[in-house]
Amino acid sequence: METFLFYFLGIGLLTTAGTAIVLKNPMHSIISMIVSFFFISGLYLLLSAPFLAVIQIMVYAGAILVLFLFVIMLFDLQKSEYQKDKFTKFDIVSILLVGFGASKLVALVVTSNSVVNFSKAQSVSNDFGSVKAFAYSLFGASGVIGQHSFVFEVISVLLLAAIISAVVLAKKRL
């Protein structure tokens, strides 16, 4: 059952992420991205990481996509700017080629020795995916710097710079 769910969520994720790239209407791409974030959240649940699954929905599907929607509304795109929603022959062929390549990749992974031989799989600790383990790896224990603290701070500064630049660009346009 877990194998079926993994393949279902993986194929759904690849499909919705691909359609987010291929679709010409930005609102349809945003909806496709929302669905792909839910597929990612399902994969986190399969990995026994419920905290990351909830954070995935709250942060990405909730906050980041709302930011994307504001940017799209800020640009005020007219329908003529992103053309009609009809697929061209090139779009259909490219989707078929990506699907064919993804199916070949799945077949390669399924038939490889690393997936078939489960005896070499490493076990994870009982608290894997919990809030406590996540916080310990991010921030560390008291008096000890966490394993990912620097990356967390760099990302926060990067997001702050992106917000400031978006406000400056929007103010010039208004």
N, C-alpha and C. Protein backbone atom coordinates (compact mmCIF):
# COMPACT_ATOMS: atom_id res chain seq x y z
N MET A 1 0.82 -1.20 0.00
CA MET A 1 0.00 0.00 0.00
C MET A 1 0.87 1.26 0.00
N GLU A 2 1.96 1.22 0.80
CA GLU A 2 2.84 2.39 0.84
C GLU A 2 3.52 2.61 -0.51
N THR A 3 3.86 1.53 -1.17
CA THR A 3 4.50 1.65 -2.48
C THR A 3 3.53 2.28 -3.48
N PHE A 4 2.27 1.85 -3.45
CA PHE A 4 1.27 2.43 -4.34
C PHE A 4 1.09 3.91 -4.03
N LEU A 5 0.99 4.27 -2.76
CA LEU A 5 0.83 5.69 -2.40
C LEU A 5 2.04 6.51 -2.83
N PHE A 6 3.24 5.95 -2.67
CA PHE A 6 4.44 6.67 -3.08
C PHE A 6 4.41 6.95 -4.58
N TYR A 7 4.10 5.93 -5.37
CA TYR A 7 4.07 6.13 -6.82
C TYR A 7 2.94 7.07 -7.23
N PHE A 8 1.80 6.96 -6.58
CA PHE A 8 0.68 7.85 -6.87
C PHE A 8 1.05 9.30 -6.57
N LEU A 9 1.61 9.53 -5.38
CA LEU A 9 1.99 10.89 -5.00
C LEU A 9 3.14 11.41 -5.86
N GLY A 10 4.10 10.53 -6.19
CA GLY A 10 5.22 10.95 -7.02
C GLY A 10 4.80 11.32 -8.43
N ILE A 11 3.96 10.49 -9.03
CA ILE A 11 3.49 10.79 -10.39
C ILE A 11 2.59 12.03 -10.38
N GLY A 12 1.76 12.16 -9.35
CA GLY A 12 0.93 13.37 -9.23
C GLY A 12 1.77 14.62 -9.07
N LEU A 13 2.84 14.51 -8.28
CA LEU A 13 3.74 15.66 -8.08
C LEU A 13 4.43 16.03 -9.38
N LEU A 14 4.95 15.06 -10.09
CA LEU A 14 5.61 15.36 -11.36
C LEU A 14 4.64 15.95 -12.38
N THR A 15 3.43 15.45 -12.39
CA THR A 15 2.44 15.94 -13.35
C THR A 15 2.04 17.38 -13.04
N THR A 16 1.72 17.66 -11.78
CA THR A 16 1.28 19.02 -11.44
C THR A 16 2.42 20.02 -11.52
N ALA A 17 3.64 19.60 -11.18
CA ALA A 17 4.78 20.52 -11.33
C ALA A 17 5.05 20.80 -12.80
N GLY A 18 4.91 19.79 -13.65
CA GLY A 18 5.08 19.99 -15.08
C GLY A 18 4.02 20.89 -15.67
N THR A 19 2.78 20.73 -15.23
CA THR A 19 1.72 21.59 -15.76
C THR A 19 1.87 23.02 -15.25
N ALA A 20 2.45 23.20 -14.07
CA ALA A 20 2.68 24.56 -13.58
C ALA A 20 3.67 25.29 -14.48
N ILE A 21 4.58 24.55 -15.08
CA ILE A 21 5.55 25.15 -15.98
C ILE A 21 4.96 25.37 -17.37
N VAL A 22 4.17 24.42 -17.84
CA VAL A 22 3.70 24.43 -19.23
C VAL A 22 2.53 25.38 -19.44
N LEU A 23 1.64 25.51 -18.46
CA LEU A 23 0.43 26.31 -18.66
C LEU A 23 0.78 27.77 -18.90
N LYS A 24 0.03 28.39 -19.79
CA LYS A 24 0.30 29.78 -20.14
C LYS A 24 -0.44 30.75 -19.23
N ASN A 25 -1.56 30.35 -18.70
CA ASN A 25 -2.31 31.21 -17.79
C ASN A 25 -1.66 31.16 -16.41
N PRO A 26 -1.22 32.30 -15.88
CA PRO A 26 -0.53 32.28 -14.59
C PRO A 26 -1.41 31.83 -13.43
N MET A 27 -2.70 32.09 -13.50
CA MET A 27 -3.58 31.65 -12.42
C MET A 27 -3.72 30.12 -12.42
N HIS A 28 -3.76 29.52 -13.59
CA HIS A 28 -3.81 28.05 -13.66
C HIS A 28 -2.51 27.44 -13.17
N SER A 29 -1.40 28.11 -13.44
CA SER A 29 -0.10 27.63 -12.93
C SER A 29 -0.06 27.68 -11.41
N ILE A 30 -0.62 28.72 -10.83
CA ILE A 30 -0.65 28.84 -9.36
C ILE A 30 -1.49 27.72 -8.77
N ILE A 31 -2.62 27.42 -9.37
CA ILE A 31 -3.47 26.34 -8.87
C ILE A 31 -2.74 25.00 -8.98
N SER A 32 -2.03 24.81 -10.08
CA SER A 32 -1.25 23.58 -10.24
C SER A 32 -0.14 23.50 -9.19
N MET A 33 0.47 24.62 -8.86
CA MET A 33 1.50 24.62 -7.81
C MET A 33 0.91 24.27 -6.45
N ILE A 34 -0.29 24.76 -6.17
CA ILE A 34 -0.94 24.44 -4.90
C ILE A 34 -1.15 22.93 -4.79
N VAL A 35 -1.64 22.33 -5.86
CA VAL A 35 -1.87 20.88 -5.84
C VAL A 35 -0.55 20.13 -5.69
N SER A 36 0.51 20.62 -6.33
CA SER A 36 1.81 19.95 -6.19
C SER A 36 2.33 20.06 -4.77
N PHE A 37 2.05 21.16 -4.08
CA PHE A 37 2.46 21.28 -2.67
C PHE A 37 1.72 20.28 -1.80
N PHE A 38 0.47 19.99 -2.13
CA PHE A 38 -0.26 18.98 -1.37
C PHE A 38 0.32 17.58 -1.62
N PHE A 39 0.76 17.31 -2.85
CA PHE A 39 1.42 16.04 -3.12
C PHE A 39 2.72 15.91 -2.33
N ILE A 40 3.49 17.00 -2.25
CA ILE A 40 4.72 16.98 -1.46
C ILE A 40 4.41 16.72 0.00
N SER A 41 3.34 17.33 0.49
CA SER A 41 2.94 17.10 1.87
C SER A 41 2.57 15.64 2.10
N GLY A 42 1.93 15.02 1.15
CA GLY A 42 1.61 13.60 1.26
C GLY A 42 2.87 12.74 1.30
N LEU A 43 3.88 13.13 0.53
CA LEU A 43 5.15 12.40 0.58
C LEU A 43 5.82 12.55 1.94
N TYR A 44 5.72 13.72 2.54
CA TYR A 44 6.25 13.89 3.90
C TYR A 44 5.51 13.00 4.89
N LEU A 45 4.22 12.86 4.70
CA LEU A 45 3.47 11.97 5.60
C LEU A 45 3.91 10.52 5.44
N LEU A 46 4.21 10.12 4.21
CA LEU A 46 4.72 8.77 4.00
C LEU A 46 6.08 8.56 4.66
N LEU A 47 6.84 9.63 4.79
CA LEU A 47 8.15 9.55 5.44
C LEU A 47 8.06 9.66 6.96
N SER A 48 6.85 9.63 7.49
CA SER A 48 6.60 9.77 8.94
C SER A 48 7.11 11.11 9.47
N ALA A 49 6.87 12.16 8.73
CA ALA A 49 7.24 13.52 9.14
C ALA A 49 6.01 14.41 9.10
N PRO A 50 5.08 14.22 10.06
CA PRO A 50 3.83 15.01 10.00
C PRO A 50 4.05 16.50 10.21
N PHE A 51 5.05 16.87 10.99
CA PHE A 51 5.30 18.29 11.20
C PHE A 51 5.70 18.97 9.90
N LEU A 52 6.59 18.34 9.14
CA LEU A 52 6.99 18.91 7.87
C LEU A 52 5.84 18.95 6.87
N ALA A 53 4.94 17.98 6.94
CA ALA A 53 3.78 17.98 6.06
C ALA A 53 2.87 19.17 6.35
N VAL A 54 2.65 19.43 7.61
CA VAL A 54 1.79 20.57 7.99
C VAL A 54 2.47 21.88 7.66
N ILE A 55 3.76 21.98 7.92
CA ILE A 55 4.50 23.21 7.59
C ILE A 55 4.50 23.44 6.08
N GLN A 56 4.60 22.36 5.31
CA GLN A 56 4.56 22.48 3.85
C GLN A 56 3.26 23.14 3.41
N ILE A 57 2.16 22.70 3.98
CA ILE A 57 0.86 23.28 3.61
C ILE A 57 0.74 24.71 4.11
N MET A 58 1.11 24.94 5.36
CA MET A 58 0.94 26.28 5.94
C MET A 58 1.85 27.32 5.29
N VAL A 59 3.12 26.98 5.12
CA VAL A 59 4.07 27.97 4.63
C VAL A 59 3.99 28.12 3.12
N TYR A 60 4.10 27.01 2.40
CA TYR A 60 4.16 27.13 0.95
C TYR A 60 2.80 27.33 0.32
N ALA A 61 1.85 26.44 0.61
CA ALA A 61 0.53 26.58 -0.02
C ALA A 61 -0.21 27.77 0.56
N GLY A 62 0.08 28.13 1.81
CA GLY A 62 -0.59 29.25 2.42
C GLY A 62 0.06 30.58 2.12
N ALA A 63 1.31 30.73 2.52
CA ALA A 63 1.94 32.04 2.47
C ALA A 63 2.64 32.34 1.15
N ILE A 64 3.47 31.44 0.68
CA ILE A 64 4.26 31.71 -0.52
C ILE A 64 3.36 31.87 -1.74
N LEU A 65 2.35 31.03 -1.87
CA LEU A 65 1.47 31.15 -3.03
C LEU A 65 0.60 32.40 -2.98
N VAL A 66 0.25 32.85 -1.79
CA VAL A 66 -0.46 34.12 -1.67
C VAL A 66 0.44 35.26 -2.15
N LEU A 67 1.73 35.17 -1.82
CA LEU A 67 2.68 36.16 -2.31
C LEU A 67 2.76 36.12 -3.84
N PHE A 68 2.77 34.92 -4.42
CA PHE A 68 2.77 34.80 -5.88
C PHE A 68 1.51 35.43 -6.47
N LEU A 69 0.37 35.19 -5.84
CA LEU A 69 -0.88 35.77 -6.33
C LEU A 69 -0.83 37.30 -6.29
N PHE A 70 -0.26 37.86 -5.24
CA PHE A 70 -0.13 39.32 -5.18
C PHE A 70 0.77 39.85 -6.28
N VAL A 71 1.84 39.14 -6.58
CA VAL A 71 2.73 39.57 -7.65
C VAL A 71 2.02 39.50 -9.00
N ILE A 72 1.26 38.46 -9.22
CA ILE A 72 0.52 38.34 -10.49
C ILE A 72 -0.52 39.44 -10.60
N MET A 73 -1.20 39.73 -9.50
CA MET A 73 -2.19 40.82 -9.54
C MET A 73 -1.51 42.18 -9.68
N LEU A 74 -0.30 42.30 -9.16
CA LEU A 74 0.44 43.56 -9.29
C LEU A 74 0.80 43.83 -10.74
N PHE A 75 1.15 42.80 -11.49
CA PHE A 75 1.49 42.98 -12.89
C PHE A 75 0.26 43.26 -13.75
N ASP A 76 -0.91 42.90 -13.27
CA ASP A 76 -2.16 43.17 -13.98
C ASP A 76 -2.09 42.69 -15.43
N LEU A 77 -1.87 41.40 -15.59
CA LEU A 77 -1.74 40.81 -16.92
C LEU A 77 -3.09 40.76 -17.63
N GLN A 78 -3.07 41.16 -18.88
CA GLN A 78 -4.26 41.03 -19.71
C GLN A 78 -4.20 39.69 -20.42
N LYS A 79 -5.34 39.20 -20.86
CA LYS A 79 -5.39 37.88 -21.50
C LYS A 79 -4.53 37.84 -22.76
N SER A 80 -4.42 38.93 -23.47
CA SER A 80 -3.62 38.94 -24.69
C SER A 80 -2.13 38.81 -24.40
N GLU A 81 -1.71 39.14 -23.18
CA GLU A 81 -0.29 39.10 -22.86
C GLU A 81 0.22 37.68 -22.70
N TYR A 82 -0.62 36.77 -22.25
CA TYR A 82 -0.16 35.40 -22.08
C TYR A 82 -0.87 34.45 -23.04
N GLN A 83 -1.45 34.97 -24.07
CA GLN A 83 -2.08 34.23 -25.16
C GLN A 83 -3.28 33.42 -24.70
N LYS A 84 -3.76 32.63 -25.59
CA LYS A 84 -4.93 31.81 -25.29
C LYS A 84 -4.49 30.54 -24.57
N ASP A 85 -5.44 29.85 -23.93
CA ASP A 85 -5.14 28.66 -23.16
C ASP A 85 -5.08 27.40 -24.00
N LYS A 86 -5.17 27.51 -25.31
CA LYS A 86 -5.15 26.32 -26.15
C LYS A 86 -3.72 25.80 -26.28
N PHE A 87 -3.59 24.49 -26.29
CA PHE A 87 -2.28 23.87 -26.46
C PHE A 87 -1.91 23.87 -27.93
N THR A 88 -0.66 24.13 -28.19
CA THR A 88 -0.16 24.00 -29.55
C THR A 88 0.39 22.59 -29.73
N LYS A 89 0.76 22.26 -30.95
CA LYS A 89 1.32 20.94 -31.21
C LYS A 89 2.64 20.75 -30.45
N PHE A 90 3.42 21.82 -30.35
CA PHE A 90 4.68 21.74 -29.61
C PHE A 90 4.44 21.44 -28.14
N ASP A 91 3.42 22.04 -27.54
CA ASP A 91 3.11 21.78 -26.14
C ASP A 91 2.72 20.33 -25.91
N ILE A 92 1.90 19.80 -26.79
CA ILE A 92 1.45 18.41 -26.65
C ILE A 92 2.61 17.44 -26.82
N VAL A 93 3.47 17.70 -27.79
CA VAL A 93 4.63 16.82 -28.01
C VAL A 93 5.59 16.91 -26.81
N SER A 94 5.80 18.11 -26.29
CA SER A 94 6.72 18.24 -25.16
C SER A 94 6.16 17.55 -23.92
N ILE A 95 4.86 17.62 -23.69
CA ILE A 95 4.25 16.93 -22.55
C ILE A 95 4.39 15.42 -22.72
N LEU A 96 4.17 14.93 -23.93
CA LEU A 96 4.32 13.50 -24.17
C LEU A 96 5.77 13.04 -23.98
N LEU A 97 6.72 13.84 -24.43
CA LEU A 97 8.13 13.48 -24.25
C LEU A 97 8.53 13.49 -22.78
N VAL A 98 8.06 14.46 -22.03
CA VAL A 98 8.36 14.50 -20.60
C VAL A 98 7.71 13.31 -19.90
N GLY A 99 6.49 12.97 -20.27
CA GLY A 99 5.84 11.80 -19.68
C GLY A 99 6.56 10.51 -20.01
N PHE A 100 7.03 10.40 -21.24
CA PHE A 100 7.78 9.22 -21.65
C PHE A 100 9.09 9.13 -20.88
N GLY A 101 9.78 10.25 -20.75
CA GLY A 101 11.03 10.27 -20.00
C GLY A 101 10.82 9.95 -18.53
N ALA A 102 9.73 10.48 -17.94
CA ALA A 102 9.43 10.18 -16.54
C ALA A 102 9.10 8.71 -16.34
N SER A 103 8.37 8.12 -17.30
CA SER A 103 8.06 6.69 -17.17
C SER A 103 9.31 5.84 -17.29
N LYS A 104 10.24 6.24 -18.16
CA LYS A 104 11.50 5.51 -18.28
C LYS A 104 12.33 5.66 -17.00
N LEU A 105 12.30 6.84 -16.40
CA LEU A 105 13.02 7.05 -15.15
C LEU A 105 12.43 6.21 -14.02
N VAL A 106 11.11 6.14 -13.95
CA VAL A 106 10.46 5.31 -12.94
C VAL A 106 10.80 3.84 -13.16
N ALA A 107 10.79 3.40 -14.41
CA ALA A 107 11.14 2.01 -14.71
C ALA A 107 12.59 1.72 -14.34
N LEU A 108 13.47 2.66 -14.57
CA LEU A 108 14.87 2.49 -14.21
C LEU A 108 15.05 2.39 -12.70
N VAL A 109 14.34 3.23 -11.96
CA VAL A 109 14.45 3.21 -10.50
C VAL A 109 13.86 1.93 -9.93
N VAL A 110 12.74 1.48 -10.47
CA VAL A 110 12.09 0.28 -9.94
C VAL A 110 12.94 -0.96 -10.20
N THR A 111 13.60 -1.01 -11.33
CA THR A 111 14.39 -2.20 -11.65
C THR A 111 15.82 -2.16 -11.11
N SER A 112 16.22 -1.04 -10.50
CA SER A 112 17.59 -0.97 -10.00
C SER A 112 17.72 -1.77 -8.71
N ASN A 113 18.93 -2.15 -8.39
CA ASN A 113 19.20 -2.97 -7.21
C ASN A 113 18.98 -2.22 -5.91
N SER A 114 19.15 -0.90 -5.90
CA SER A 114 19.03 -0.15 -4.65
C SER A 114 17.60 -0.11 -4.15
N VAL A 115 16.62 -0.15 -5.04
CA VAL A 115 15.23 -0.12 -4.60
C VAL A 115 14.74 -1.52 -4.26
N VAL A 116 15.17 -2.51 -5.02
CA VAL A 116 14.69 -3.86 -4.81
C VAL A 116 15.24 -4.47 -3.53
N ASN A 117 16.48 -4.15 -3.16
CA ASN A 117 17.12 -4.74 -2.00
C ASN A 117 16.83 -3.89 -0.76
N PHE A 118 15.77 -4.24 -0.01
CA PHE A 118 15.39 -3.48 1.17
C PHE A 118 16.23 -3.83 2.38
N SER A 119 17.03 -4.90 2.33
CA SER A 119 17.82 -5.29 3.50
C SER A 119 18.93 -4.29 3.80
N LYS A 120 19.33 -3.49 2.82
CA LYS A 120 20.38 -2.50 3.03
C LYS A 120 19.82 -1.16 3.52
N ALA A 121 18.52 -1.06 3.65
CA ALA A 121 17.91 0.20 4.06
C ALA A 121 18.28 0.52 5.50
N GLN A 122 18.57 1.78 5.75
CA GLN A 122 18.93 2.19 7.10
C GLN A 122 17.66 2.53 7.87
N SER A 123 17.69 2.23 9.14
CA SER A 123 16.55 2.57 9.98
C SER A 123 16.73 3.99 10.51
N VAL A 124 15.63 4.63 10.78
CA VAL A 124 15.67 5.98 11.33
C VAL A 124 15.23 5.93 12.78
N SER A 125 15.54 6.98 13.50
CA SER A 125 15.19 7.00 14.92
C SER A 125 13.68 7.14 15.09
N ASN A 126 13.21 6.84 16.28
CA ASN A 126 11.76 6.87 16.55
C ASN A 126 11.19 8.28 16.50
N ASP A 127 12.02 9.29 16.81
CA ASP A 127 11.50 10.65 16.81
C ASP A 127 11.74 11.38 15.48
N PHE A 128 12.04 10.63 14.41
CA PHE A 128 12.24 11.24 13.10
C PHE A 128 10.97 11.95 12.66
N GLY A 129 11.09 13.18 12.24
CA GLY A 129 9.95 13.94 11.75
C GLY A 129 9.17 14.65 12.83
N SER A 130 9.55 14.48 14.07
CA SER A 130 8.82 15.15 15.14
C SER A 130 9.29 16.60 15.27
N VAL A 131 8.55 17.39 16.01
CA VAL A 131 8.89 18.79 16.19
C VAL A 131 10.20 18.90 16.97
N LYS A 132 10.38 18.03 17.95
CA LYS A 132 11.59 18.09 18.77
C LYS A 132 12.84 17.80 17.94
N ALA A 133 12.80 16.76 17.11
CA ALA A 133 13.95 16.43 16.27
C ALA A 133 14.22 17.52 15.25
N PHE A 134 13.16 18.10 14.71
CA PHE A 134 13.31 19.17 13.73
C PHE A 134 13.95 20.39 14.38
N ALA A 135 13.46 20.76 15.56
CA ALA A 135 14.01 21.92 16.26
C ALA A 135 15.46 21.68 16.69
N TYR A 136 15.77 20.46 17.10
CA TYR A 136 17.14 20.16 17.50
C TYR A 136 18.10 20.26 16.32
N SER A 137 17.68 19.78 15.15
CA SER A 137 18.58 19.85 14.00
C SER A 137 18.69 21.28 13.48
N LEU A 138 17.64 22.07 13.65
CA LEU A 138 17.67 23.44 13.16
C LEU A 138 18.39 24.38 14.12
N PHE A 139 18.01 24.33 15.39
CA PHE A 139 18.55 25.29 16.35
C PHE A 139 19.57 24.69 17.30
N GLY A 140 19.62 23.39 17.46
CA GLY A 140 20.56 22.76 18.37
C GLY A 140 20.07 22.77 19.81
N ALA A 141 20.85 22.18 20.69
CA ALA A 141 20.51 22.17 22.11
C ALA A 141 20.91 23.51 22.72
N SER A 142 20.62 23.68 24.00
CA SER A 142 20.95 24.94 24.66
C SER A 142 22.47 25.08 24.72
N GLY A 143 22.98 26.19 24.22
CA GLY A 143 24.40 26.44 24.21
C GLY A 143 25.13 25.85 23.02
N VAL A 144 24.44 25.08 22.19
CA VAL A 144 25.06 24.45 21.02
C VAL A 144 24.36 24.97 19.77
N ILE A 145 25.13 25.35 18.77
CA ILE A 145 24.54 25.85 17.53
C ILE A 145 24.04 24.66 16.72
N GLY A 146 22.86 24.81 16.15
CA GLY A 146 22.25 23.72 15.39
C GLY A 146 22.97 23.43 14.09
N GLN A 147 22.65 22.29 13.53
CA GLN A 147 23.29 21.82 12.30
C GLN A 147 22.94 22.71 11.11
N HIS A 148 21.74 23.27 11.10
CA HIS A 148 21.27 24.04 9.95
C HIS A 148 20.98 25.51 10.31
N SER A 149 21.54 26.01 11.39
CA SER A 149 21.26 27.38 11.83
C SER A 149 21.73 28.42 10.81
N PHE A 150 22.91 28.23 10.26
CA PHE A 150 23.45 29.19 9.30
C PHE A 150 22.59 29.25 8.05
N VAL A 151 22.18 28.12 7.55
CA VAL A 151 21.34 28.07 6.35
C VAL A 151 20.00 28.75 6.61
N PHE A 152 19.45 28.52 7.80
CA PHE A 152 18.18 29.14 8.18
C PHE A 152 18.31 30.67 8.18
N GLU A 153 19.39 31.19 8.72
CA GLU A 153 19.59 32.64 8.77
C GLU A 153 19.84 33.22 7.38
N VAL A 154 20.58 32.52 6.56
CA VAL A 154 20.84 33.01 5.20
C VAL A 154 19.54 33.08 4.40
N ILE A 155 18.70 32.07 4.54
CA ILE A 155 17.43 32.07 3.83
C ILE A 155 16.54 33.20 4.31
N SER A 156 16.54 33.49 5.61
CA SER A 156 15.72 34.58 6.12
C SER A 156 16.19 35.93 5.58
N VAL A 157 17.51 36.14 5.47
CA VAL A 157 18.03 37.38 4.89
C VAL A 157 17.69 37.46 3.40
N LEU A 158 17.77 36.34 2.70
CA LEU A 158 17.43 36.30 1.28
C LEU A 158 15.95 36.64 1.06
N LEU A 159 15.07 36.08 1.88
CA LEU A 159 13.65 36.40 1.75
C LEU A 159 13.37 37.87 2.09
N LEU A 160 14.07 38.42 3.07
CA LEU A 160 13.91 39.83 3.40
C LEU A 160 14.34 40.70 2.23
N ALA A 161 15.45 40.36 1.59
CA ALA A 161 15.92 41.12 0.43
C ALA A 161 14.91 41.02 -0.73
N ALA A 162 14.32 39.85 -0.92
CA ALA A 162 13.32 39.69 -1.98
C ALA A 162 12.09 40.53 -1.71
N ILE A 163 11.65 40.58 -0.46
CA ILE A 163 10.47 41.40 -0.12
C ILE A 163 10.77 42.87 -0.33
N ILE A 164 11.93 43.33 0.10
CA ILE A 164 12.28 44.74 -0.07
C ILE A 164 12.38 45.10 -1.55
N SER A 165 12.99 44.24 -2.35
CA SER A 165 13.10 44.53 -3.78
C SER A 165 11.74 44.50 -4.46
N ALA A 166 10.84 43.63 -4.03
CA ALA A 166 9.49 43.61 -4.62
C ALA A 166 8.74 44.89 -4.30
N VAL A 167 8.90 45.39 -3.09
CA VAL A 167 8.24 46.64 -2.70
C VAL A 167 8.81 47.80 -3.49
N VAL A 168 10.14 47.84 -3.67
CA VAL A 168 10.76 48.92 -4.43
C VAL A 168 10.31 48.88 -5.88
N LEU A 169 10.27 47.69 -6.49
CA LEU A 169 9.80 47.58 -7.86
C LEU A 169 8.34 47.97 -8.01
N ALA A 170 7.53 47.60 -7.05
CA ALA A 170 6.11 47.96 -7.12
C ALA A 170 5.91 49.44 -6.94
N LYS A 171 6.71 50.06 -6.10
CA LYS A 171 6.56 51.49 -5.86
C LYS A 171 6.96 52.30 -7.09
N LYS A 172 7.97 51.85 -7.84
CA LYS A 172 8.36 52.55 -9.06
C LYS A 172 7.28 52.49 -10.11
N ARG A 173 6.55 51.38 -10.12
CA ARG A 173 5.52 51.18 -11.13
C ARG A 173 4.25 51.97 -10.81
N LEU A 174 3.98 52.16 -9.53
CA LEU A 174 2.78 52.88 -9.13
C LEU A 174 3.05 54.34 -9.22
